[in-house]
């Protein structure tokens, strides 16, 4: 089991910098995922929400990832235990 930390951003600009910031703190690129939720309806002008997820192998590092996501402007941050799939 791993801890999964997810930060949700209101726009893409702050979220797109998160993988590099997480990697700079020692998180493996393969443990980081970016998910984009597109608005429904006509046109795809801007993402409605962008989520950045990071799989944490050492539970003590979850607090660091949470703090980093919050300091980058995440609108919300969640922590879950999961299998990482």
C-alpha atoms as a PDB file:
ATOM      1  CA  UNK A   1       0.000   0.000   0.000  1.00  0.00           C
ATOM      2  CA  UNK A   2       1.048   3.530  -0.769  1.00  0.00           C
ATOM      3  CA  UNK A   3      -0.179   6.923   0.279  1.00  0.00           C
ATOM      4  CA  UNK A   4      -1.613   8.965  -2.582  1.00  0.00           C
ATOM      5  CA  UNK A   5      -1.653  12.752  -2.210  1.00  0.00           C
ATOM      6  CA  UNK A   6      -3.785  14.726  -4.673  1.00  0.00           C
ATOM      7  CA  UNK A   7      -3.877  18.483  -5.080  1.00  0.00           C
ATOM      8  CA  UNK A   8      -6.635  20.100  -7.127  1.00  0.00           C
ATOM      9  CA  UNK A   9      -5.915  23.356  -8.902  1.00  0.00           C
ATOM     10  CA  UNK A  10      -8.349  25.828 -10.479  1.00  0.00           C
ATOM     11  CA  UNK A  11      -6.066  26.379 -13.459  1.00  0.00           C
ATOM     12  CA  UNK A  12      -3.315  24.725 -15.399  1.00  0.00           C
ATOM     13  CA  UNK A  13      -0.496  27.236 -14.820  1.00  0.00           C
ATOM     14  CA  UNK A  14       0.344  26.335 -11.198  1.00  0.00           C
ATOM     15  CA  UNK A  15      -0.373  22.640 -11.704  1.00  0.00           C
ATOM     16  CA  UNK A  16       1.956  22.304 -14.689  1.00  0.00           C
ATOM     17  CA  UNK A  17       4.925  23.334 -12.518  1.00  0.00           C
ATOM     18  CA  UNK A  18       4.170  20.754  -9.809  1.00  0.00           C
ATOM     19  CA  UNK A  19       5.842  17.683 -11.362  1.00  0.00           C
ATOM     20  CA  UNK A  20       9.185  19.501 -11.543  1.00  0.00           C
ATOM     21  CA  UNK A  21       8.802  20.810  -7.983  1.00  0.00           C
ATOM     22  CA  UNK A  22       7.947  17.346  -6.665  1.00  0.00           C
ATOM     23  CA  UNK A  23      10.860  15.795  -8.549  1.00  0.00           C
ATOM     24  CA  UNK A  24      13.191  18.424  -7.076  1.00  0.00           C
ATOM     25  CA  UNK A  25      12.109  17.155  -3.636  1.00  0.00           C
ATOM     26  CA  UNK A  26      13.041  13.585  -4.528  1.00  0.00           C
ATOM     27  CA  UNK A  27       9.769  12.156  -5.859  1.00  0.00           C
ATOM     28  CA  UNK A  28      10.281   9.838  -8.828  1.00  0.00           C
ATOM     29  CA  UNK A  29       8.765  11.005 -12.136  1.00  0.00           C
ATOM     30  CA  UNK A  30       6.891   7.687 -12.379  1.00  0.00           C
ATOM     31  CA  UNK A  31       5.088   8.464  -9.105  1.00  0.00           C
ATOM     32  CA  UNK A  32       3.582  11.745 -10.365  1.00  0.00           C
ATOM     33  CA  UNK A  33       0.461  12.105 -12.512  1.00  0.00           C
ATOM     34  CA  UNK A  34      -1.432  15.143 -13.814  1.00  0.00           C
ATOM     35  CA  UNK A  35      -5.148  14.833 -14.584  1.00  0.00           C
ATOM     36  CA  UNK A  36      -7.132  17.467 -16.482  1.00  0.00           C
ATOM     37  CA  UNK A  37     -10.909  17.779 -16.222  1.00  0.00           C
ATOM     38  CA  UNK A  38     -12.310  19.579 -19.241  1.00  0.00           C
ATOM     39  CA  UNK A  39     -15.555  21.549 -19.032  1.00  0.00           C
ATOM     40  CA  UNK A  40     -18.645  20.056 -20.609  1.00  0.00           C
ATOM     41  CA  UNK A  41     -20.457  21.738 -23.422  1.00  0.00           C
ATOM     42  CA  UNK A  42     -19.184  23.714 -26.343  1.00  0.00           C
ATOM     43  CA  UNK A  43     -15.528  24.398 -26.718  1.00  0.00           C
ATOM     44  CA  UNK A  44     -12.619  23.554 -24.492  1.00  0.00           C
ATOM     45  CA  UNK A  45     -11.316  26.957 -23.563  1.00  0.00           C
ATOM     46  CA  UNK A  46      -9.787  26.168 -20.191  1.00  0.00           C
ATOM     47  CA  UNK A  47      -9.614  23.149 -17.918  1.00  0.00           C
ATOM     48  CA  UNK A  48     -12.257  23.155 -15.200  1.00  0.00           C
ATOM     49  CA  UNK A  49      -9.874  21.486 -12.779  1.00  0.00           C
ATOM     50  CA  UNK A  50      -6.363  20.107 -12.840  1.00  0.00           C
ATOM     51  CA  UNK A  51      -5.305  17.484 -10.313  1.00  0.00           C
ATOM     52  CA  UNK A  52      -1.742  16.526  -9.505  1.00  0.00           C
ATOM     53  CA  UNK A  53      -1.328  13.147  -7.795  1.00  0.00           C
ATOM     54  CA  UNK A  54       1.841  11.787  -6.241  1.00  0.00           C
ATOM     55  CA  UNK A  55       2.371   8.286  -4.895  1.00  0.00           C
ATOM     56  CA  UNK A  56       4.280   8.376  -1.613  1.00  0.00           C
ATOM     57  CA  UNK A  57       6.242   5.261  -0.693  1.00  0.00           C
ATOM     58  CA  UNK A  58       7.276   6.517   2.745  1.00  0.00           C
ATOM     59  CA  UNK A  59       4.289   7.716   4.819  1.00  0.00           C
ATOM     60  CA  UNK A  60       6.365  10.347   6.585  1.00  0.00           C
ATOM     61  CA  UNK A  61       6.860  12.175   3.253  1.00  0.00           C
ATOM     62  CA  UNK A  62       3.127  12.755   2.779  1.00  0.00           C
ATOM     63  CA  UNK A  63       3.137  15.884   4.950  1.00  0.00           C
ATOM     64  CA  UNK A  64       5.926  17.369   2.810  1.00  0.00           C
ATOM     65  CA  UNK A  65       4.000  16.716  -0.417  1.00  0.00           C
ATOM     66  CA  UNK A  66       0.828  18.199   1.097  1.00  0.00           C
ATOM     67  CA  UNK A  67       2.668  21.340   2.173  1.00  0.00           C
ATOM     68  CA  UNK A  68       4.253  21.705  -1.269  1.00  0.00           C
ATOM     69  CA  UNK A  69       0.902  21.389  -3.072  1.00  0.00           C
ATOM     70  CA  UNK A  70      -0.745  23.866  -0.701  1.00  0.00           C
ATOM     71  CA  UNK A  71       2.085  26.381  -1.054  1.00  0.00           C
ATOM     72  CA  UNK A  72       1.753  26.149  -4.849  1.00  0.00           C
ATOM     73  CA  UNK A  73      -1.899  27.199  -4.652  1.00  0.00           C
ATOM     74  CA  UNK A  74      -3.844  23.937  -4.665  1.00  0.00           C
ATOM     75  CA  UNK A  75      -7.505  24.688  -3.982  1.00  0.00           C
ATOM     76  CA  UNK A  76      -7.771  21.419  -2.033  1.00  0.00           C
ATOM     77  CA  UNK A  77      -5.461  18.576  -1.059  1.00  0.00           C
ATOM     78  CA  UNK A  78      -6.464  15.014  -0.152  1.00  0.00           C
ATOM     79  CA  UNK A  79      -4.487  12.105   1.214  1.00  0.00           C
ATOM     80  CA  UNK A  80      -5.572   8.492   0.644  1.00  0.00           C
ATOM     81  CA  UNK A  81      -4.105   5.064   1.155  1.00  0.00           C
ATOM     82  CA  UNK A  82      -4.213   2.979  -2.013  1.00  0.00           C
ATOM     83  CA  UNK A  83      -2.347   0.539  -4.169  1.00  0.00           C
ATOM     84  CA  UNK A  84      -1.170   3.199  -6.638  1.00  0.00           C
ATOM     85  CA  UNK A  85      -2.906   1.746  -9.673  1.00  0.00           C
END
